[in-house]
Amino acid sequence: TVDLQMTSLKPEDTAVYYCAASRLPITPAPLVAGTKYDWWGQG
């Protein structure tokens, strides 16, 4: 499992949140682009 603990939530945090998995390492590039991920959840 991978968790996301969210605190001090704001109305602008309202969204559908998606989990994704990548075969790439997060260093040196931190994988901020969705195109770097291979699989996605439904949200």
All heavy atoms as atom14 arrays in JSON, in Angstrom:
{
  "sequence": "TVDLQMTSLKPEDTAVYYCAASRLPITPAPLVAGTKYDWWGQG",
  "atom14_mask": [
    [1, 1, 1, 1, 1, 1, 1, 0, 0, 0, 0, 0, 0, 0],
    [1, 1, 1, 1, 1, 1, 1, 0, 0, 0, 0, 0, 0, 0],
    [1, 1, 1, 1, 1, 1, 1, 1, 0, 0, 0, 0, 0, 0],
    [1, 1, 1, 1, 1, 1, 1, 1, 0, 0, 0, 0, 0, 0],
    [1, 1, 1, 1, 1, 1, 1, 1, 1, 0, 0, 0, 0, 0],
    [1, 1, 1, 1, 1, 1, 1, 1, 0, 0, 0, 0, 0, 0],
    [1, 1, 1, 1, 1, 1, 1, 0, 0, 0, 0, 0, 0, 0],
    [1, 1, 1, 1, 1, 1, 0, 0, 0, 0, 0, 0, 0, 0],
    [1, 1, 1, 1, 1, 1, 1, 1, 0, 0, 0, 0, 0, 0],
    [1, 1, 1, 1, 1, 1, 1, 1, 1, 0, 0, 0, 0, 0],
    [1, 1, 1, 1, 1, 1, 1, 0, 0, 0, 0, 0, 0, 0],
    [1, 1, 1, 1, 1, 1, 1, 1, 1, 0, 0, 0, 0, 0],
    [1, 1, 1, 1, 1, 1, 1, 1, 0, 0, 0, 0, 0, 0],
    [1, 1, 1, 1, 1, 1, 1, 0, 0, 0, 0, 0, 0, 0],
    [1, 1, 1, 1, 1, 0, 0, 0, 0, 0, 0, 0, 0, 0],
    [1, 1, 1, 1, 1, 1, 1, 0, 0, 0, 0, 0, 0, 0],
    [1, 1, 1, 1, 1, 1, 1, 1, 1, 1, 1, 1, 0, 0],
    [1, 1, 1, 1, 1, 1, 1, 1, 1, 1, 1, 1, 0, 0],
    [1, 1, 1, 1, 1, 1, 0, 0, 0, 0, 0, 0, 0, 0],
    [1, 1, 1, 1, 1, 0, 0, 0, 0, 0, 0, 0, 0, 0],
    [1, 1, 1, 1, 1, 0, 0, 0, 0, 0, 0, 0, 0, 0],
    [1, 1, 1, 1, 1, 1, 0, 0, 0, 0, 0, 0, 0, 0],
    [1, 1, 1, 1, 1, 1, 1, 1, 1, 1, 1, 0, 0, 0],
    [1, 1, 1, 1, 1, 1, 1, 1, 0, 0, 0, 0, 0, 0],
    [1, 1, 1, 1, 1, 1, 1, 0, 0, 0, 0, 0, 0, 0],
    [1, 1, 1, 1, 1, 1, 1, 1, 0, 0, 0, 0, 0, 0],
    [1, 1, 1, 1, 1, 1, 1, 0, 0, 0, 0, 0, 0, 0],
    [1, 1, 1, 1, 1, 1, 1, 0, 0, 0, 0, 0, 0, 0],
    [1, 1, 1, 1, 1, 0, 0, 0, 0, 0, 0, 0, 0, 0],
    [1, 1, 1, 1, 1, 1, 1, 0, 0, 0, 0, 0, 0, 0],
    [1, 1, 1, 1, 1, 1, 1, 1, 0, 0, 0, 0, 0, 0],
    [1, 1, 1, 1, 1, 1, 1, 0, 0, 0, 0, 0, 0, 0],
    [1, 1, 1, 1, 1, 0, 0, 0, 0, 0, 0, 0, 0, 0],
    [1, 1, 1, 1, 0, 0, 0, 0, 0, 0, 0, 0, 0, 0],
    [1, 1, 1, 1, 1, 1, 1, 0, 0, 0, 0, 0, 0, 0],
    [1, 1, 1, 1, 1, 1, 1, 1, 1, 0, 0, 0, 0, 0],
    [1, 1, 1, 1, 1, 1, 1, 1, 1, 1, 1, 1, 0, 0],
    [1, 1, 1, 1, 1, 1, 1, 1, 0, 0, 0, 0, 0, 0],
    [1, 1, 1, 1, 1, 1, 1, 1, 1, 1, 1, 1, 1, 1],
    [1, 1, 1, 1, 1, 1, 1, 1, 1, 1, 1, 1, 1, 1],
    [1, 1, 1, 1, 0, 0, 0, 0, 0, 0, 0, 0, 0, 0],
    [1, 1, 1, 1, 1, 1, 1, 1, 1, 0, 0, 0, 0, 0],
    [1, 1, 1, 1, 0, 0, 0, 0, 0, 0, 0, 0, 0, 0]
  ],
  "atom14_positions": [
    [[0.83, -1.2, 0.0], [0.0, 0.0, 0.0], [0.87, 1.26, 0.0], [2.01, 1.24, 0.47], [-0.92, 0.05, 1.22], [-0.12, -0.02, 2.42], [-1.91, -1.11, 1.22], [0.0, 0.0, 0.0], [0.0, 0.0, 0.0], [0.0, 0.0, 0.0], [0.0, 0.0, 0.0], [0.0, 0.0, 0.0], [0.0, 0.0, 0.0], [0.0, 0.0, 0.0]],
    [[0.31, 2.32, -0.52], [0.93, 3.63, -0.43], [-0.14, 4.59, 0.07], [-1.26, 4.59, -0.44], [1.54, 4.07, -1.78], [0.51, 4.08, -2.88], [2.19, 5.43, -1.65], [0.0, 0.0, 0.0], [0.0, 0.0, 0.0], [0.0, 0.0, 0.0], [0.0, 0.0, 0.0], [0.0, 0.0, 0.0], [0.0, 0.0, 0.0], [0.0, 0.0, 0.0]],
    [[0.18, 5.34, 1.07], [-0.77, 6.23, 1.71], [-0.41, 7.69, 1.48], [0.75, 8.03, 1.25], [-0.81, 5.97, 3.22], [-1.44, 4.64, 3.56], [-1.97, 3.97, 2.64], [-1.38, 4.25, 4.74], [0.0, 0.0, 0.0], [0.0, 0.0, 0.0], [0.0, 0.0, 0.0], [0.0, 0.0, 0.0], [0.0, 0.0, 0.0], [0.0, 0.0, 0.0]],
    [[-1.43, 8.51, 1.58], [-1.23, 9.96, 1.52], [-1.97, 10.55, 2.71], [-3.2, 10.58, 2.74], [-1.76, 10.55, 0.23], [-1.49, 12.05, 0.04], [0.0, 12.29, -0.17], [-2.3, 12.6, -1.13], [0.0, 0.0, 0.0], [0.0, 0.0, 0.0], [0.0, 0.0, 0.0], [0.0, 0.0, 0.0], [0.0, 0.0, 0.0], [0.0, 0.0, 0.0]],
    [[-1.22, 10.97, 3.7], [-1.79, 11.62, 4.87], [-1.91, 13.11, 4.58], [-0.91, 13.77, 4.3], [-0.91, 11.4, 6.1], [-1.42, 12.09, 7.35], [-2.73, 11.51, 7.85], [-2.87, 10.3, 7.98], [-3.71, 12.37, 8.15], [0.0, 0.0, 0.0], [0.0, 0.0, 0.0], [0.0, 0.0, 0.0], [0.0, 0.0, 0.0], [0.0, 0.0, 0.0]],
    [[-3.12, 13.62, 4.64], [-3.37, 15.02, 4.31], [-3.87, 15.75, 5.55], [-4.82, 15.3, 6.21], [-4.4, 15.12, 3.18], [-4.01, 14.34, 1.94], [-5.14, 14.61, 0.55], [-6.62, 13.84, 1.19], [0.0, 0.0, 0.0], [0.0, 0.0, 0.0], [0.0, 0.0, 0.0], [0.0, 0.0, 0.0], [0.0, 0.0, 0.0], [0.0, 0.0, 0.0]],
    [[-3.25, 16.85, 5.87], [-3.64, 17.65, 7.02], [-3.88, 19.1, 6.59], [-3.51, 19.49, 5.48], [-2.56, 17.61, 8.11], [-1.35, 18.19, 7.6], [-2.28, 16.19, 8.57], [0.0, 0.0, 0.0], [0.0, 0.0, 0.0], [0.0, 0.0, 0.0], [0.0, 0.0, 0.0], [0.0, 0.0, 0.0], [0.0, 0.0, 0.0], [0.0, 0.0, 0.0]],
    [[-4.48, 19.85, 7.47], [-4.76, 21.27, 7.2], [-5.41, 21.45, 5.83], [-5.0, 22.31, 5.03], [-3.46, 22.1, 7.29], [-2.87, 21.95, 8.56], [0.0, 0.0, 0.0], [0.0, 0.0, 0.0], [0.0, 0.0, 0.0], [0.0, 0.0, 0.0], [0.0, 0.0, 0.0], [0.0, 0.0, 0.0], [0.0, 0.0, 0.0], [0.0, 0.0, 0.0]],
    [[-6.4, 20.65, 5.58], [-7.02, 20.67, 4.26], [-7.74, 21.98, 3.98], [-8.3, 22.61, 4.89], [-7.98, 19.49, 4.13], [-7.28, 18.14, 3.91], [-8.22, 16.98, 4.22], [-6.76, 18.05, 2.49], [0.0, 0.0, 0.0], [0.0, 0.0, 0.0], [0.0, 0.0, 0.0], [0.0, 0.0, 0.0], [0.0, 0.0, 0.0], [0.0, 0.0, 0.0]],
    [[-7.7, 22.36, 2.72], [-8.31, 23.6, 2.25], [-9.35, 23.28, 1.18], [-9.25, 22.25, 0.51], [-7.24, 24.51, 1.66], [-6.06, 24.77, 2.55], [-4.97, 25.53, 1.82], [-3.74, 25.73, 2.68], [-2.66, 26.44, 1.94], [0.0, 0.0, 0.0], [0.0, 0.0, 0.0], [0.0, 0.0, 0.0], [0.0, 0.0, 0.0], [0.0, 0.0, 0.0]],
    [[-10.32, 24.15, 0.98], [-11.29, 23.9, -0.1], [-10.63, 23.68, -1.46], [-11.14, 22.9, -2.27], [-12.14, 25.17, -0.08], [-12.09, 25.63, 1.34], [-10.7, 25.31, 1.8], [0.0, 0.0, 0.0], [0.0, 0.0, 0.0], [0.0, 0.0, 0.0], [0.0, 0.0, 0.0], [0.0, 0.0, 0.0], [0.0, 0.0, 0.0], [0.0, 0.0, 0.0]],
    [[-9.51, 24.32, -1.69], [-8.83, 24.15, -2.99], [-8.15, 22.79, -3.13], [-7.63, 22.47, -4.2], [-7.8, 25.27, -3.22], [-6.86, 25.51, -2.06], [-7.32, 26.64, -1.15], [-8.53, 26.71, -0.82], [-6.45, 27.46, -0.76], [0.0, 0.0, 0.0], [0.0, 0.0, 0.0], [0.0, 0.0, 0.0], [0.0, 0.0, 0.0], [0.0, 0.0, 0.0]],
    [[-8.17, 21.99, -2.08], [-7.67, 20.61, -2.18], [-8.74, 19.67, -2.73], [-8.46, 18.5, -2.98], [-7.23, 20.1, -0.81], [-6.01, 20.84, -0.28], [-5.08, 21.11, -1.07], [-5.98, 21.14, 0.94], [0.0, 0.0, 0.0], [0.0, 0.0, 0.0], [0.0, 0.0, 0.0], [0.0, 0.0, 0.0], [0.0, 0.0, 0.0], [0.0, 0.0, 0.0]],
    [[-9.94, 20.18, -2.91], [-11.02, 19.36, -3.46], [-10.66, 18.89, -4.86], [-10.34, 19.69, -5.74], [-12.32, 20.18, -3.5], [-12.73, 20.48, -2.17], [-13.43, 19.4, -4.21], [0.0, 0.0, 0.0], [0.0, 0.0, 0.0], [0.0, 0.0, 0.0], [0.0, 0.0, 0.0], [0.0, 0.0, 0.0], [0.0, 0.0, 0.0], [0.0, 0.0, 0.0]],
    [[-10.7, 17.57, -5.05], [-10.31, 16.98, -6.33], [-10.51, 15.47, -6.26], [-10.77, 14.91, -5.19], [-8.84, 17.28, -6.64], [0.0, 0.0, 0.0], [0.0, 0.0, 0.0], [0.0, 0.0, 0.0], [0.0, 0.0, 0.0], [0.0, 0.0, 0.0], [0.0, 0.0, 0.0], [0.0, 0.0, 0.0], [0.0, 0.0, 0.0], [0.0, 0.0, 0.0]],
    [[-10.37, 14.84, -7.4], [-10.25, 13.39, -7.44], [-8.77, 13.08, -7.32], [-7.95, 13.64, -8.06], [-10.82, 12.8, -8.74], [-10.62, 11.28, -8.76], [-12.31, 13.13, -8.86], [0.0, 0.0, 0.0], [0.0, 0.0, 0.0], [0.0, 0.0, 0.0], [0.0, 0.0, 0.0], [0.0, 0.0, 0.0], [0.0, 0.0, 0.0], [0.0, 0.0, 0.0]],
    [[-8.44, 12.22, -6.37], [-7.05, 11.87, -6.12], [-6.76, 10.49, -6.72], [-7.5, 9.53, -6.49], [-6.76, 11.87, -4.63], [-6.61, 13.26, -4.08], [-7.72, 14.1, -3.96], [-5.37, 13.76, -3.69], [-7.59, 15.4, -3.48], [-5.23, 15.05, -3.2], [-6.34, 15.86, -3.1], [-6.2, 17.15, -2.62], [0.0, 0.0, 0.0], [0.0, 0.0, 0.0]],
    [[-5.66, 10.43, -7.46], [-5.27, 9.21, -8.15], [-3.92, 8.7, -7.66], [-2.99, 9.48, -7.44], [-5.16, 9.47, -9.65], [-6.44, 9.88, -10.32], [-6.79, 11.21, -10.46], [-7.31, 8.92, -10.83], [-7.96, 11.59, -11.08], [-8.49, 9.29, -11.46], [-8.81, 10.62, -11.57], [-9.98, 11.0, -12.19], [0.0, 0.0, 0.0], [0.0, 0.0, 0.0]],
    [[-3.84, 7.41, -7.56], [-2.6, 6.73, -7.24], [-2.01, 6.21, -8.55], [-2.76, 5.8, -9.45], [-2.91, 5.57, -6.29], [-1.57, 4.44, -5.97], [0.0, 0.0, 0.0], [0.0, 0.0, 0.0], [0.0, 0.0, 0.0], [0.0, 0.0, 0.0], [0.0, 0.0, 0.0], [0.0, 0.0, 0.0], [0.0, 0.0, 0.0], [0.0, 0.0, 0.0]],
    [[-0.68, 6.22, -8.65], [-0.04, 5.75, -9.88], [1.27, 5.05, -9.55], [1.91, 5.36, -8.54], [0.21, 6.93, -10.82], [0.0, 0.0, 0.0], [0.0, 0.0, 0.0], [0.0, 0.0, 0.0], [0.0, 0.0, 0.0], [0.0, 0.0, 0.0], [0.0, 0.0, 0.0], [0.0, 0.0, 0.0], [0.0, 0.0, 0.0], [0.0, 0.0, 0.0]],
    [[1.66, 4.13, -10.42], [2.89, 3.37, -10.24], [3.79, 3.55, -11.46], [3.31, 3.58, -12.6], [2.58, 1.89, -10.05], [0.0, 0.0, 0.0], [0.0, 0.0, 0.0], [0.0, 0.0, 0.0], [0.0, 0.0, 0.0], [0.0, 0.0, 0.0], [0.0, 0.0, 0.0], [0.0, 0.0, 0.0], [0.0, 0.0, 0.0], [0.0, 0.0, 0.0]],
    [[5.09, 3.65, -11.2], [6.06, 3.85, -12.26], [7.21, 2.89, -12.13], [7.66, 2.58, -11.01], [6.6, 5.29, -12.22], [7.65, 5.46, -13.16], [0.0, 0.0, 0.0], [0.0, 0.0, 0.0], [0.0, 0.0, 0.0], [0.0, 0.0, 0.0], [0.0, 0.0, 0.0], [0.0, 0.0, 0.0], [0.0, 0.0, 0.0], [0.0, 0.0, 0.0]],
    [[7.71, 2.43, -13.25], [8.89, 1.58, -13.26], [10.18, 2.4, -13.19], [11.27, 1.83, -13.08], [8.9, 0.71, -14.52], [7.84, -0.39, -14.49], [7.71, -1.11, -15.81], [7.05, -0.28, -16.81], [6.68, -0.72, -17.99], [6.91, -1.97, -18.35], [6.08, 0.09, -18.86], [0.0, 0.0, 0.0], [0.0, 0.0, 0.0], [0.0, 0.0, 0.0]],
    [[10.06, 3.71, -13.2], [11.22, 4.59, -13.13], [11.55, 4.97, -11.69], [10.64, 5.04, -10.86], [10.96, 5.86, -13.94], [10.7, 5.68, -15.43], [10.26, 7.0, -16.04], [11.93, 5.13, -16.13], [0.0, 0.0, 0.0], [0.0, 0.0, 0.0], [0.0, 0.0, 0.0], [0.0, 0.0, 0.0], [0.0, 0.0, 0.0], [0.0, 0.0, 0.0]],
    [[12.8, 5.25, -11.38], [13.15, 5.75, -10.04], [12.78, 7.23, -9.91], [12.64, 7.92, -10.92], [14.67, 5.55, -10.0], [15.09, 5.68, -11.42], [13.98, 5.07, -12.24], [0.0, 0.0, 0.0], [0.0, 0.0, 0.0], [0.0, 0.0, 0.0], [0.0, 0.0, 0.0], [0.0, 0.0, 0.0], [0.0, 0.0, 0.0], [0.0, 0.0, 0.0]],
    [[12.61, 7.72, -8.69], [12.25, 9.13, -8.51], [13.47, 10.03, -8.44], [13.33, 11.25, -8.29], [11.33, 9.36, -7.29], [12.11, 9.19, -5.98], [10.12, 8.47, -7.35], [11.32, 9.72, -4.78], [0.0, 0.0, 0.0], [0.0, 0.0, 0.0], [0.0, 0.0, 0.0], [0.0, 0.0, 0.0], [0.0, 0.0, 0.0], [0.0, 0.0, 0.0]],
    [[14.65, 9.46, -8.47], [15.87, 10.26, -8.57], [16.63, 9.86, -9.82], [16.64, 8.68, -10.17], [16.76, 10.07, -7.34], [17.07, 8.67, -7.21], [16.06, 10.54, -6.08], [0.0, 0.0, 0.0], [0.0, 0.0, 0.0], [0.0, 0.0, 0.0], [0.0, 0.0, 0.0], [0.0, 0.0, 0.0], [0.0, 0.0, 0.0], [0.0, 0.0, 0.0]],
    [[17.3, 10.79, -10.49], [17.39, 12.21, -10.17], [16.13, 13.01, -10.52], [15.91, 14.09, -9.98], [18.56, 12.69, -11.01], [18.57, 11.79, -12.19], [18.11, 10.45, -11.68], [0.0, 0.0, 0.0], [0.0, 0.0, 0.0], [0.0, 0.0, 0.0], [0.0, 0.0, 0.0], [0.0, 0.0, 0.0], [0.0, 0.0, 0.0], [0.0, 0.0, 0.0]],
    [[15.3, 12.5, -11.42], [14.08, 13.24, -11.8], [12.94, 12.75, -10.92], [12.69, 11.55, -10.83], [13.75, 13.01, -13.26], [0.0, 0.0, 0.0], [0.0, 0.0, 0.0], [0.0, 0.0, 0.0], [0.0, 0.0, 0.0], [0.0, 0.0, 0.0], [0.0, 0.0, 0.0], [0.0, 0.0, 0.0], [0.0, 0.0, 0.0], [0.0, 0.0, 0.0]],
    [[12.22, 13.65, -10.25], [11.23, 13.26, -9.26], [9.89, 12.78, -9.79], [8.95, 12.64, -9.04], [11.06, 14.52, -8.43], [11.37, 15.63, -9.33], [12.43, 15.12, -10.26], [0.0, 0.0, 0.0], [0.0, 0.0, 0.0], [0.0, 0.0, 0.0], [0.0, 0.0, 0.0], [0.0, 0.0, 0.0], [0.0, 0.0, 0.0], [0.0, 0.0, 0.0]],
    [[9.75, 12.49, -11.05], [8.54, 11.89, -11.62], [7.29, 12.73, -11.37], [6.27, 12.23, -10.88], [8.33, 10.48, -11.07], [9.43, 9.46, -11.35], [9.04, 8.1, -10.78], [9.72, 9.35, -12.83], [0.0, 0.0, 0.0], [0.0, 0.0, 0.0], [0.0, 0.0, 0.0], [0.0, 0.0, 0.0], [0.0, 0.0, 0.0], [0.0, 0.0, 0.0]],
    [[7.34, 14.0, -11.7], [6.18, 14.86, -11.51], [5.22, 14.79, -12.69], [4.07, 15.23, -12.58], [6.6, 16.32, -11.25], [7.45, 16.43, -9.99], [7.34, 16.89, -12.46], [0.0, 0.0, 0.0], [0.0, 0.0, 0.0], [0.0, 0.0, 0.0], [0.0, 0.0, 0.0], [0.0, 0.0, 0.0], [0.0, 0.0, 0.0], [0.0, 0.0, 0.0]],
    [[5.68, 14.28, -13.79], [4.82, 14.2, -14.98], [4.04, 12.89, -14.98], [4.6, 11.82, -14.77], [5.68, 14.3, -16.24], [0.0, 0.0, 0.0], [0.0, 0.0, 0.0], [0.0, 0.0, 0.0], [0.0, 0.0, 0.0], [0.0, 0.0, 0.0], [0.0, 0.0, 0.0], [0.0, 0.0, 0.0], [0.0, 0.0, 0.0], [0.0, 0.0, 0.0]],
    [[2.77, 13.0, -15.24], [1.94, 11.81, -15.28], [2.35, 10.81, -16.35], [2.13, 9.61, -16.19], [0.0, 0.0, 0.0], [0.0, 0.0, 0.0], [0.0, 0.0, 0.0], [0.0, 0.0, 0.0], [0.0, 0.0, 0.0], [0.0, 0.0, 0.0], [0.0, 0.0, 0.0], [0.0, 0.0, 0.0], [0.0, 0.0, 0.0], [0.0, 0.0, 0.0]],
    [[2.99, 11.29, -17.38], [3.42, 10.42, -18.47], [4.52, 9.46, -18.04], [4.82, 8.5, -18.76], [3.91, 11.26, -19.67], [4.9, 12.19, -19.21], [2.76, 12.02, -20.29], [0.0, 0.0, 0.0], [0.0, 0.0, 0.0], [0.0, 0.0, 0.0], [0.0, 0.0, 0.0], [0.0, 0.0, 0.0], [0.0, 0.0, 0.0], [0.0, 0.0, 0.0]],
    [[5.13, 9.73, -16.89], [6.19, 8.86, -16.39], [5.64, 7.63, -15.67], [6.4, 6.76, -15.27], [7.09, 9.64, -15.43], [7.78, 10.85, -16.06], [8.75, 10.44, -17.14], [9.51, 11.65, -17.67], [10.46, 11.29, -18.76], [0.0, 0.0, 0.0], [0.0, 0.0, 0.0], [0.0, 0.0, 0.0], [0.0, 0.0, 0.0], [0.0, 0.0, 0.0]],
    [[4.34, 7.59, -15.48], [3.72, 6.5, -14.74], [3.06, 5.5, -15.68], [2.5, 5.87, -16.71], [2.71, 7.06, -13.74], [3.38, 7.83, -12.63], [3.8, 9.14, -12.82], [3.64, 7.23, -11.39], [4.45, 9.84, -11.82], [4.28, 7.94, -10.38], [4.68, 9.24, -10.61], [5.34, 9.93, -9.61], [0.0, 0.0, 0.0], [0.0, 0.0, 0.0]],
    [[3.12, 4.25, -15.27], [2.65, 3.18, -16.14], [1.24, 2.7, -15.8], [0.54, 2.19, -16.67], [3.63, 2.0, -16.05], [5.04, 2.39, -16.44], [5.26, 2.59, -17.66], [5.91, 2.51, -15.55], [0.0, 0.0, 0.0], [0.0, 0.0, 0.0], [0.0, 0.0, 0.0], [0.0, 0.0, 0.0], [0.0, 0.0, 0.0], [0.0, 0.0, 0.0]],
    [[0.87, 2.78, -14.54], [-0.44, 2.28, -14.14], [-1.12, 3.29, -13.22], [-0.45, 3.97, -12.43], [-0.29, 0.94, -13.4], [0.33, -0.12, -14.24], [-0.28, -0.88, -15.2], [1.69, -0.56, -14.19], [0.62, -1.75, -15.76], [1.84, -1.59, -15.17], [2.81, -0.2, -13.43], [3.05, -2.24, -15.39], [4.01, -0.84, -13.65], [4.13, -1.86, -14.63]],
    [[-2.44, 3.33, -13.31], [-3.22, 4.29, -12.55], [-4.42, 3.62, -11.89], [-4.98, 2.66, -12.43], [-3.74, 5.39, -13.48], [-2.67, 6.26, -14.04], [-1.86, 5.99, -15.1], [-2.28, 7.55, -13.55], [-0.98, 7.03, -15.3], [-1.22, 8.0, -14.36], [-2.71, 8.36, -12.5], [-0.59, 9.24, -14.16], [-2.1, 9.59, -12.31], [-1.05, 10.02, -13.13]],
    [[-4.79, 4.16, -10.76], [-6.03, 3.73, -10.13], [-7.21, 4.5, -10.69], [-7.05, 5.37, -11.54], [0.0, 0.0, 0.0], [0.0, 0.0, 0.0], [0.0, 0.0, 0.0], [0.0, 0.0, 0.0], [0.0, 0.0, 0.0], [0.0, 0.0, 0.0], [0.0, 0.0, 0.0], [0.0, 0.0, 0.0], [0.0, 0.0, 0.0], [0.0, 0.0, 0.0]],
    [[-8.38, 4.19, -10.17], [-9.6, 4.81, -10.68], [-9.91, 6.14, -10.0], [-10.76, 6.89, -10.47], [-10.78, 3.85, -10.51], [-11.44, 3.86, -9.13], [-10.57, 3.24, -8.05], [-9.58, 2.58, -8.33], [-10.95, 3.46, -6.79], [0.0, 0.0, 0.0], [0.0, 0.0, 0.0], [0.0, 0.0, 0.0], [0.0, 0.0, 0.0], [0.0, 0.0, 0.0]],
    [[-9.25, 6.42, -8.92], [-9.41, 7.69, -8.23], [-10.38, 7.63, -7.07], [-11.26, 6.78, -7.02], [0.0, 0.0, 0.0], [0.0, 0.0, 0.0], [0.0, 0.0, 0.0], [0.0, 0.0, 0.0], [0.0, 0.0, 0.0], [0.0, 0.0, 0.0], [0.0, 0.0, 0.0], [0.0, 0.0, 0.0], [0.0, 0.0, 0.0], [0.0, 0.0, 0.0]]
  ]
}
